[in-house]
Amino acid sequence: MKLLLKGFEHILTFDDDERELRGADILVDGRQIVGVGEDLTDPGVDRVIDGTGLVALPGLINAHQHLYQASLRALPELERAPMGPWLAGIGATCLRWWREGTYTPEMVGVVSRAILLESVLGGTTTVADQYYFYPGGEVAPYLEETIEAAKEIGVRLHAGRGSITLGRTDGGTADDVLVETVDGVLAHCQELIQNYHDPERMAMIRVALAPCGLHVDRPELFDETAALAAEHPGVRLHTHLYEKVDAQVCSDRYGMTPWRMLELHGWAGDRTWLAHVNDPPQEEIAEFAAAGTGVAHLIAPDLRLGWGLAPLRDFLDRGVRVGFGTTGSASNDGANMLGDLRLAALAHRPASEDPDRWPSARELLRMATRGSAACIGRDDLGALASGYAADIACWDVSTVDRIGVHDPAAGLLLTGLSDAASLVLVNGDVLVEDGTPTRADPAVVARAARRVIPV
């Protein structure tokens, strides 16, 4: 089907020329964009969609999520918990549910469906999930259910097969009941790649190999996953790094920093992107850039857990690939990418008296589009340009809560009563129109999730 999206208030393309257009159009043919410009026409157009009053961006890309954690929002006992008690608290809650028989793959799928719908309603068209919670060390189809949920909602998913392979008995920080064997993890990774991974352009589902972290995973798993990823085009490597706890474990157990451990085990390369990277040694930042390793900036959890600010300006100035994400709802309580971008725009300002070091709206929006696409290894996402996937997110800036806005990029981040998108396309399919999802009823999805989340 050919679609002509016509007469946008403003288009931020984030293409190679950083074009911004007013009163322009986007022409979509099937699953890809074939034109962005003024007064576009095509005699074969099947449908015209009015873009009046809308700001169009590439669909936002959440470079780090834990979708299952939408069942753990705003736990009262963890409202002001730092990292250690927080980890213990969410782990104990999920283990209790598992022992009671309520934490199941079906529950994870239903909860994932809800937060994926929340995501697309907020203009997110691609989600990189990391699922690592396998209680009893037993492989069950938790991630498979998440993949099926993404297919139903219509969102692109990079499904990260996470793991915990190093328990407290052996010097890790995780409960031993969560520990899997390295061989078991690798066998499941291979199965997921065979059954779900699509290496082709415009792929809707890809698989990533995503050990939880050096504080809870054995070094040999990093060796083996690096080797496995190298055998399969499009399979990326992902983990937490400099998440506070891992640096201490690496120093005590291995006598080196987390980044040096990744170097040693084949992960310091352009297949890898990292979550958090809150307080790395300054000298290592240039090494991230030289290796082509990406970083997902996660402002809300970094602040929620009391960590402070990652060195975002240093990452950008030294050429690190920087994407953006929300992480899971247990330490964020939402999947609101635009809201977190607003938080980043403000939170980094007190760190420097030099306004030139504050992240601009365009820098942040670029992180959440082109930057996240680079992190997850997609050269077909993150820009509005011919040949790119037709993943488009649009917000209405004609409403009363955005009157007086002179710069639509800054206005999108700094104003508005709602971050809900008005129009969202994924792979050329209209998933949200006039703020209403076309594939799923939010009330029905929410009710289903409430039924399966224990109280």
Protein backbone atom coordinates (compact mmCIF):
# COMPACT_ATOMS: atom_id res chain seq x y z
CA MET A 1 0.00 0.00 0.00
CA LYS A 2 1.16 3.52 -0.82
CA LEU A 3 0.52 6.24 1.75
CA LEU A 4 1.05 9.96 1.39
CA LEU A 5 1.42 11.76 4.71
CA LYS A 6 0.87 15.33 3.70
CA GLY A 7 1.42 18.84 4.99
CA PHE A 8 3.32 18.34 8.25
CA GLU A 9 3.90 21.32 10.48
CA HIS A 10 7.53 20.21 10.82
CA ILE A 11 9.61 17.16 9.92
CA LEU A 12 12.85 16.33 11.74
CA THR A 13 14.41 13.78 9.45
CA PHE A 14 17.67 12.98 11.27
CA ASP A 15 18.96 11.96 7.86
CA ASP A 16 22.61 12.30 6.83
CA ASP A 17 22.06 15.99 6.08
CA GLU A 18 20.04 16.65 9.27
CA ARG A 19 17.24 18.12 7.15
CA GLU A 20 14.29 19.82 8.79
CA LEU A 21 11.27 20.65 6.64
CA ARG A 22 8.10 22.68 7.16
CA GLY A 23 4.87 22.03 5.31
CA ALA A 24 6.40 18.95 3.71
CA ASP A 25 5.23 15.41 2.99
CA ILE A 26 6.34 11.80 3.46
CA LEU A 27 5.61 9.17 0.82
CA VAL A 28 5.50 5.54 1.97
CA ASP A 29 5.46 2.53 -0.33
CA GLY A 30 4.83 -0.69 1.55
CA ARG A 31 7.20 -0.93 4.47
CA GLN A 32 9.65 1.79 3.47
CA ILE A 33 9.87 5.50 2.89
CA VAL A 34 10.34 6.49 -0.75
CA GLY A 35 10.24 10.27 -0.45
CA VAL A 36 10.44 13.16 1.99
CA GLY A 37 9.92 16.64 0.60
CA GLU A 38 7.53 19.34 -0.50
CA ASP A 39 4.50 18.81 -2.74
CA LEU A 40 5.05 15.08 -3.20
CA THR A 41 2.65 13.32 -5.57
CA ASP A 42 2.17 9.78 -6.81
CA PRO A 43 -0.72 8.56 -8.96
CA GLY A 44 -0.66 5.19 -7.23
CA VAL A 45 -1.30 6.50 -3.72
CA ASP A 46 -3.91 4.41 -1.90
CA ARG A 47 -4.48 6.78 0.98
CA VAL A 48 -3.63 10.34 2.00
CA ILE A 49 -3.19 11.16 5.71
CA ASP A 50 -3.38 14.78 6.79
CA GLY A 51 -0.29 15.91 8.73
CA THR A 52 -1.59 19.39 9.57
CA GLY A 53 -0.39 20.50 13.00
CA LEU A 54 1.87 17.48 13.44
CA VAL A 55 5.60 17.25 14.09
CA ALA A 56 7.04 14.09 12.50
CA LEU A 57 10.11 12.20 13.71
CA PRO A 58 11.55 8.79 13.01
CA GLY A 59 9.90 6.33 15.38
CA LEU A 60 11.61 6.40 18.76
CA ILE A 61 13.86 3.44 19.56
CA ASN A 62 14.06 2.25 23.15
CA ALA A 63 17.58 0.85 23.37
CA HIS A 64 17.14 -0.84 26.76
CA GLN A 65 14.00 -2.31 28.35
CA HIS A 66 12.96 -5.07 30.73
CA LEU A 67 9.35 -5.51 29.65
CA TYR A 68 8.42 -8.00 32.36
CA GLN A 69 9.08 -5.33 35.00
CA ALA A 70 5.82 -3.58 34.15
CA SER A 71 4.39 -5.96 36.78
CA LEU A 72 6.58 -4.27 39.43
CA ARG A 73 5.69 -0.60 39.18
CA ALA A 74 5.77 1.65 42.21
CA LEU A 75 6.28 -1.07 44.82
CA PRO A 76 5.77 0.93 48.03
CA GLU A 77 8.61 -0.68 49.97
CA LEU A 78 11.05 0.21 47.16
CA GLU A 79 9.99 3.80 46.53
CA ARG A 80 13.22 5.16 48.00
CA ALA A 81 15.43 2.08 47.76
CA PRO A 82 19.02 2.26 46.48
CA MET A 83 20.46 -0.40 44.17
CA GLY A 84 21.13 -3.23 46.62
CA PRO A 85 17.75 -3.27 48.40
CA TRP A 86 16.00 -2.53 45.12
CA LEU A 87 17.51 -5.57 43.37
CA ALA A 88 16.78 -7.77 46.36
CA GLY A 89 13.22 -6.45 46.56
CA ILE A 90 12.16 -7.03 42.97
CA GLY A 91 13.90 -10.42 42.96
CA ALA A 92 12.13 -11.52 46.13
CA THR A 93 8.76 -10.38 44.77
CA CYS A 94 9.15 -12.29 41.52
CA LEU A 95 10.44 -15.40 43.30
CA ARG A 96 7.45 -15.34 45.63
CA TRP A 97 5.12 -15.13 42.64
CA TRP A 98 6.99 -17.98 40.94
CA ARG A 99 6.74 -20.19 44.02
CA GLU A 100 3.03 -19.40 44.22
CA GLY A 101 2.65 -20.42 40.57
CA THR A 102 1.61 -16.98 39.30
CA TYR A 103 4.89 -15.95 37.63
CA THR A 104 4.58 -17.79 34.31
CA PRO A 105 5.50 -17.26 30.66
CA GLU A 106 1.86 -16.40 30.01
CA MET A 107 1.99 -13.64 32.64
CA VAL A 108 5.18 -12.22 31.09
CA GLY A 109 3.54 -12.22 27.67
CA VAL A 110 0.41 -10.43 28.85
CA VAL A 111 2.40 -7.81 30.76
CA SER A 112 4.75 -7.32 27.81
CA ARG A 113 1.79 -6.79 25.51
CA ALA A 114 0.54 -3.98 27.74
CA ILE A 115 3.82 -2.10 27.98
CA LEU A 116 4.48 -2.53 24.26
CA LEU A 117 1.11 -0.91 23.61
CA GLU A 118 2.05 1.86 26.05
CA SER A 119 5.30 2.25 24.14
CA VAL A 120 3.75 2.62 20.70
CA LEU A 121 1.16 5.07 22.04
CA GLY A 122 4.15 7.20 23.08
CA GLY A 123 5.79 7.08 19.65
CA THR A 124 8.19 4.18 20.29
CA THR A 125 8.36 1.88 17.30
CA THR A 126 11.31 -0.38 18.24
CA VAL A 127 12.11 -1.88 21.63
CA ALA A 128 15.30 -3.65 22.69
CA ASP A 129 14.28 -5.92 25.55
CA GLN A 130 16.57 -7.82 27.91
CA TYR A 131 14.92 -10.75 29.65
CA TYR A 132 17.07 -12.53 32.23
CA PHE A 133 14.76 -13.89 34.97
CA TYR A 134 14.63 -17.72 34.80
CA PRO A 135 13.68 -18.85 38.32
CA GLY A 136 14.78 -22.33 39.25
CA GLY A 137 17.38 -22.10 36.51
CA GLU A 138 14.79 -23.61 34.17
CA VAL A 139 14.42 -22.48 30.57
CA ALA A 140 10.78 -21.58 29.92
CA PRO A 141 9.30 -19.59 27.01
CA TYR A 142 9.26 -16.20 28.75
CA LEU A 143 11.10 -14.48 25.92
CA GLU A 144 9.14 -16.38 23.30
CA GLU A 145 5.90 -15.02 24.81
CA THR A 146 7.38 -11.51 24.66
CA ILE A 147 8.18 -11.97 20.99
CA GLU A 148 4.62 -13.09 20.28
CA ALA A 149 3.33 -10.02 22.15
CA ALA A 150 5.44 -7.75 19.95
CA LYS A 151 4.06 -9.44 16.85
CA GLU A 152 0.51 -8.86 18.05
CA ILE A 153 1.05 -5.18 18.88
CA GLY A 154 3.11 -4.58 15.71
CA VAL A 155 6.24 -3.15 17.33
CA ARG A 156 9.76 -4.06 16.21
CA LEU A 157 11.54 -6.08 18.90
CA HIS A 158 15.19 -6.83 19.53
CA ALA A 159 14.77 -9.73 21.94
CA GLY A 160 17.76 -9.92 24.27
CA ARG A 161 18.30 -13.33 25.82
CA GLY A 162 19.58 -12.35 29.25
CA SER A 163 20.94 -14.67 31.91
CA ILE A 164 22.21 -15.14 35.44
CA THR A 165 24.96 -17.76 35.63
CA LEU A 166 26.93 -16.68 38.71
CA GLY A 167 25.22 -16.92 42.09
CA ARG A 168 26.27 -15.88 45.56
CA THR A 169 27.74 -19.28 46.35
CA ASP A 170 30.35 -18.75 43.63
CA GLY A 171 31.04 -15.06 44.28
CA GLY A 172 28.28 -13.38 42.30
CA THR A 173 25.52 -11.17 43.63
CA ALA A 174 22.41 -13.09 42.50
CA ASP A 175 20.26 -15.53 44.42
CA ASP A 176 21.42 -19.07 43.61
CA VAL A 177 17.86 -20.10 42.71
CA LEU A 178 18.14 -17.92 39.58
CA VAL A 179 21.38 -19.44 38.29
CA GLU A 180 21.45 -21.19 34.91
CA THR A 181 24.26 -23.20 33.39
CA VAL A 182 26.35 -21.63 30.65
CA ASP A 183 25.59 -24.56 28.35
CA GLY A 184 21.87 -24.20 28.98
CA VAL A 185 21.91 -20.49 28.19
CA LEU A 186 23.87 -21.03 24.99
CA ALA A 187 21.55 -23.80 23.82
CA HIS A 188 18.56 -21.52 24.30
CA CYS A 189 20.33 -18.65 22.52
CA GLN A 190 20.95 -20.87 19.52
CA GLU A 191 17.32 -22.00 19.53
CA LEU A 192 16.06 -18.42 19.63
CA ILE A 193 18.33 -17.38 16.76
CA GLN A 194 17.17 -20.34 14.67
CA ASN A 195 13.47 -19.77 15.35
CA TYR A 196 13.12 -15.98 15.46
CA HIS A 197 16.13 -13.99 14.30
CA ASP A 198 15.74 -12.13 11.01
CA PRO A 199 19.01 -10.62 9.74
CA GLU A 200 17.45 -8.91 6.73
CA ARG A 201 16.72 -5.20 6.34
CA MET A 202 13.35 -4.12 7.73
CA ALA A 203 13.37 -7.09 10.11
CA MET A 204 10.65 -6.97 12.74
CA ILE A 205 12.29 -9.44 15.14
CA ARG A 206 15.96 -9.83 15.91
CA VAL A 207 17.71 -11.68 18.71
CA ALA A 208 20.49 -10.26 20.87
CA LEU A 209 22.73 -12.12 23.29
CA ALA A 210 22.43 -10.22 26.53
CA PRO A 211 24.00 -11.60 29.74
CA CYS A 212 22.77 -9.55 32.68
CA GLY A 213 26.23 -8.45 33.77
CA LEU A 214 29.68 -9.36 34.99
CA HIS A 215 28.45 -9.35 38.59
CA VAL A 216 26.00 -12.20 37.90
CA ASP A 217 27.44 -13.98 34.85
CA ARG A 218 30.48 -16.18 34.36
CA PRO A 219 33.32 -14.90 32.16
CA GLU A 220 33.12 -17.95 29.93
CA LEU A 221 29.57 -16.96 28.97
CA PHE A 222 30.92 -13.72 27.52
CA ASP A 223 33.50 -15.70 25.52
CA GLU A 224 30.88 -18.05 24.15
CA THR A 225 28.26 -15.42 23.34
CA ALA A 226 30.84 -13.31 21.50
CA ALA A 227 31.74 -16.33 19.39
CA LEU A 228 28.09 -17.21 18.76
CA ALA A 229 27.16 -13.68 17.72
CA ALA A 230 30.06 -13.62 15.25
CA GLU A 231 28.50 -16.59 13.46
CA HIS A 232 25.16 -14.86 12.83
CA PRO A 233 24.69 -11.58 10.93
CA GLY A 234 22.64 -9.06 12.85
CA VAL A 235 22.98 -10.75 16.23
CA ARG A 236 24.27 -8.15 18.69
CA LEU A 237 25.77 -8.27 22.18
CA HIS A 238 24.27 -6.37 25.09
CA THR A 239 24.83 -6.12 28.85
CA HIS A 240 24.77 -3.79 31.83
CA LEU A 241 28.06 -2.01 32.54
CA TYR A 242 29.16 0.41 35.24
CA GLU A 243 25.87 -0.14 37.00
CA LYS A 244 27.66 0.54 40.32
CA VAL A 245 27.60 -3.05 41.57
CA ASP A 246 29.57 -4.61 38.70
CA ALA A 247 32.65 -2.40 39.13
CA GLN A 248 33.16 -3.55 42.72
CA VAL A 249 32.66 -7.21 41.84
CA CYS A 250 35.10 -6.99 38.93
CA SER A 251 37.71 -5.27 41.08
CA ASP A 252 37.39 -7.76 43.94
CA ARG A 253 37.03 -10.93 41.87
CA TYR A 254 39.08 -10.22 38.73
CA GLY A 255 41.34 -7.31 39.63
CA MET A 256 40.22 -5.15 36.71
CA THR A 257 37.44 -2.83 35.57
CA PRO A 258 34.28 -4.11 33.83
CA TRP A 259 35.41 -2.68 30.48
CA ARG A 260 38.77 -4.48 30.75
CA MET A 261 36.82 -7.67 31.40
CA LEU A 262 34.78 -7.13 28.24
CA GLU A 263 37.98 -6.52 26.28
CA LEU A 264 39.45 -9.73 27.62
CA HIS A 265 36.40 -11.76 26.65
CA GLY A 266 35.77 -10.51 23.12
CA TRP A 267 33.06 -7.94 23.76
CA ALA A 268 34.91 -4.67 23.08
CA GLY A 269 33.69 -4.14 19.54
CA ASP A 270 31.04 -2.68 17.28
CA ARG A 271 28.60 -5.56 17.85
CA THR A 272 28.22 -4.46 21.47
CA TRP A 273 26.04 -1.87 23.14
CA LEU A 274 25.96 -1.25 26.87
CA ALA A 275 23.30 -0.09 29.32
CA HIS A 276 23.83 2.64 31.95
CA VAL A 277 27.64 3.15 31.92
CA ASN A 278 27.05 5.52 34.79
CA ASP A 279 30.58 6.22 36.08
CA PRO A 280 33.28 4.75 33.82
CA PRO A 281 36.92 5.79 34.17
CA GLN A 282 37.46 8.83 31.95
CA GLU A 283 40.27 7.17 30.03
CA GLU A 284 37.96 4.36 28.92
CA ILE A 285 35.41 6.62 27.24
CA ALA A 286 37.63 7.20 24.20
CA GLU A 287 38.12 3.44 24.03
CA PHE A 288 34.36 2.90 23.77
CA ALA A 289 34.36 5.23 20.77
CA ALA A 290 37.40 3.62 19.14
CA ALA A 291 35.86 0.16 19.52
CA GLY A 292 32.53 1.31 18.06
CA THR A 293 30.75 0.14 21.21
CA GLY A 294 27.42 1.85 21.89
CA VAL A 295 25.97 3.19 25.14
CA ALA A 296 22.27 3.43 25.98
CA HIS A 297 21.69 6.48 28.17
CA LEU A 298 19.07 5.73 30.86
CA ILE A 299 18.46 8.92 32.78
CA ALA A 300 15.36 7.96 34.79
CA PRO A 301 16.69 4.81 36.50
CA ASP A 302 20.08 6.42 37.06
CA LEU A 303 18.33 9.13 39.05
CA ARG A 304 15.66 6.89 40.59
CA LEU A 305 18.32 4.64 42.14
CA GLY A 306 20.36 7.59 43.36
CA TRP A 307 23.35 7.11 41.08
CA GLY A 308 23.59 10.58 39.66
CA LEU A 309 24.40 11.45 36.07
CA ALA A 310 26.28 9.47 33.46
CA PRO A 311 28.95 11.55 31.64
CA LEU A 312 26.72 12.17 28.64
CA ARG A 313 28.59 15.19 27.25
CA ASP A 314 31.89 13.31 27.45
CA PHE A 315 30.36 10.42 25.51
CA LEU A 316 29.12 12.76 22.79
CA ASP A 317 32.29 14.85 22.57
CA ARG A 318 34.50 11.77 22.26
CA GLY A 319 32.44 10.17 19.53
CA VAL A 320 30.74 7.35 21.43
CA ARG A 321 27.61 5.94 19.82
CA VAL A 322 24.90 7.05 22.25
CA GLY A 323 21.35 5.76 22.21
CA PHE A 324 18.52 6.26 24.66
CA GLY A 325 16.22 4.04 26.68
CA THR A 326 13.95 3.75 29.67
CA THR A 327 15.04 0.44 31.23
CA GLY A 328 12.33 -1.58 32.96
CA SER A 329 9.39 -0.16 34.82
CA ALA A 330 10.59 -1.39 38.21
CA SER A 331 13.17 1.42 38.26
CA ASN A 332 11.39 3.83 35.95
CA ASP A 333 7.67 3.18 36.42
CA GLY A 334 6.97 3.92 32.77
CA ALA A 335 7.94 3.41 29.14
CA ASN A 336 7.67 7.09 28.29
CA MET A 337 10.61 7.88 26.03
CA LEU A 338 9.56 11.49 25.42
CA GLY A 339 9.13 12.06 29.14
CA ASP A 340 12.58 10.64 29.86
CA LEU A 341 14.08 12.80 27.12
CA ARG A 342 12.56 15.81 28.85
CA LEU A 343 14.09 14.63 32.13
CA ALA A 344 17.52 14.33 30.48
CA ALA A 345 17.21 17.80 28.97
CA LEU A 346 16.83 19.24 32.46
CA ALA A 347 18.77 16.89 34.73
CA HIS A 348 22.14 17.38 33.03
CA ARG A 349 22.07 21.16 33.38
CA PRO A 350 23.19 21.46 37.02
CA ALA A 351 26.26 19.35 36.23
CA SER A 352 27.88 22.22 34.31
CA GLU A 353 27.75 25.99 34.45
CA ASP A 354 28.54 26.04 30.72
CA PRO A 355 25.25 25.91 28.77
CA ASP A 356 27.10 24.57 25.73
CA ARG A 357 27.59 21.33 27.67
CA TRP A 358 23.88 20.91 28.30
CA PRO A 359 22.27 18.41 25.90
CA SER A 360 20.07 20.13 23.35
CA ALA A 361 16.64 18.91 22.30
CA ARG A 362 17.95 17.84 18.91
CA GLU A 363 20.87 15.95 20.42
CA LEU A 364 18.51 14.05 22.68
CA LEU A 365 15.97 13.29 19.97
CA ARG A 366 18.80 12.14 17.73
CA MET A 367 19.98 9.77 20.48
CA ALA A 368 16.49 8.28 20.72
CA THR A 369 16.31 7.72 16.95
CA ARG A 370 19.51 7.54 14.91
CA GLY A 371 21.68 6.92 17.99
CA SER A 372 19.62 4.01 19.29
CA ALA A 373 19.47 2.56 15.78
CA ALA A 374 23.27 2.57 15.64
CA CYS A 375 23.46 0.89 19.05
CA ILE A 376 21.25 -2.01 18.01
CA GLY A 377 22.90 -2.32 14.60
CA ARG A 378 20.14 -0.98 12.35
CA ASP A 379 21.05 1.13 9.32
CA ASP A 380 17.43 0.96 8.15
CA LEU A 381 15.91 2.70 11.19
CA GLY A 382 16.22 6.05 12.92
CA ALA A 383 15.82 8.46 9.99
CA LEU A 384 13.07 9.78 7.73
CA ALA A 385 14.69 9.31 4.34
CA SER A 386 14.23 7.31 1.18
CA GLY A 387 15.11 3.65 1.72
CA TYR A 388 14.56 3.71 5.46
CA ALA A 389 11.82 1.75 7.18
CA ALA A 390 8.48 3.51 7.38
CA ASP A 391 8.62 3.89 11.16
CA ILE A 392 7.19 7.34 11.82
CA ALA A 393 5.99 9.01 15.02
CA CYS A 394 4.03 12.27 15.02
CA TRP A 395 2.84 14.58 17.77
CA ASP A 396 0.18 17.27 17.59
CA VAL A 397 1.70 20.69 18.36
CA SER A 398 -1.46 22.65 17.53
CA THR A 399 -3.10 21.99 20.90
CA VAL A 400 -3.60 24.51 23.68
CA ASP A 401 -0.78 23.05 25.78
CA ARG A 402 1.73 23.89 23.04
CA ILE A 403 0.67 27.35 21.96
CA GLY A 404 3.54 29.82 21.72
CA VAL A 405 6.14 27.20 20.81
CA HIS A 406 8.67 28.69 18.39
CA ASP A 407 11.00 25.69 18.05
CA PRO A 408 9.09 22.44 17.47
CA ALA A 409 12.00 20.22 18.55
CA ALA A 410 12.52 21.99 21.87
CA GLY A 411 8.78 22.43 22.26
CA LEU A 412 8.19 18.72 21.88
CA LEU A 413 10.49 18.03 24.82
CA LEU A 414 9.77 20.99 27.07
CA THR A 415 6.01 21.55 26.72
CA GLY A 416 2.79 19.59 26.62
CA LEU A 417 0.32 18.04 29.01
CA SER A 418 0.73 14.65 27.33
CA ASP A 419 3.51 12.73 25.61
CA ALA A 420 1.06 10.60 23.67
CA ALA A 421 1.66 10.50 19.93
CA SER A 422 -1.12 11.37 17.49
CA LEU A 423 0.04 9.22 14.54
CA VAL A 424 2.42 6.24 14.55
CA LEU A 425 3.48 3.97 11.70
CA VAL A 426 5.63 0.86 12.01
CA ASN A 427 6.80 -0.92 8.87
CA GLY A 428 4.29 1.13 6.91
CA ASP A 429 1.34 0.01 9.04
CA VAL A 430 -0.68 2.68 10.86
CA LEU A 431 -0.66 1.55 14.50
CA VAL A 432 -1.92 4.79 16.06
CA GLU A 433 -4.23 7.31 14.38
CA ASP A 434 -5.70 10.39 16.05
CA GLY A 435 -4.13 9.09 19.26
CA THR A 436 -6.03 5.80 19.10
CA PRO A 437 -4.35 2.42 18.54
CA THR A 438 -5.65 0.51 15.53
CA ARG A 439 -4.69 -3.04 16.53
CA ALA A 440 -5.49 -3.29 20.23
CA ASP A 441 -7.94 -1.83 22.71
CA PRO A 442 -5.95 -0.29 25.61
CA ALA A 443 -8.75 -0.99 28.10
CA VAL A 444 -8.87 -4.67 27.14
CA VAL A 445 -5.07 -5.01 27.24
CA ALA A 446 -4.90 -3.27 30.62
CA ARG A 447 -7.63 -5.48 32.12
CA ALA A 448 -5.84 -8.60 30.95
CA ALA A 449 -2.60 -7.42 32.56
CA ARG A 450 -4.29 -6.55 35.84
CA ARG A 451 -5.79 -10.03 36.02
CA VAL A 452 -2.39 -11.76 35.85
CA ILE A 453 -0.32 -9.43 38.07
CA PRO A 454 -0.45 -10.66 41.69
CA VAL A 455 -1.31 -8.13 44.37
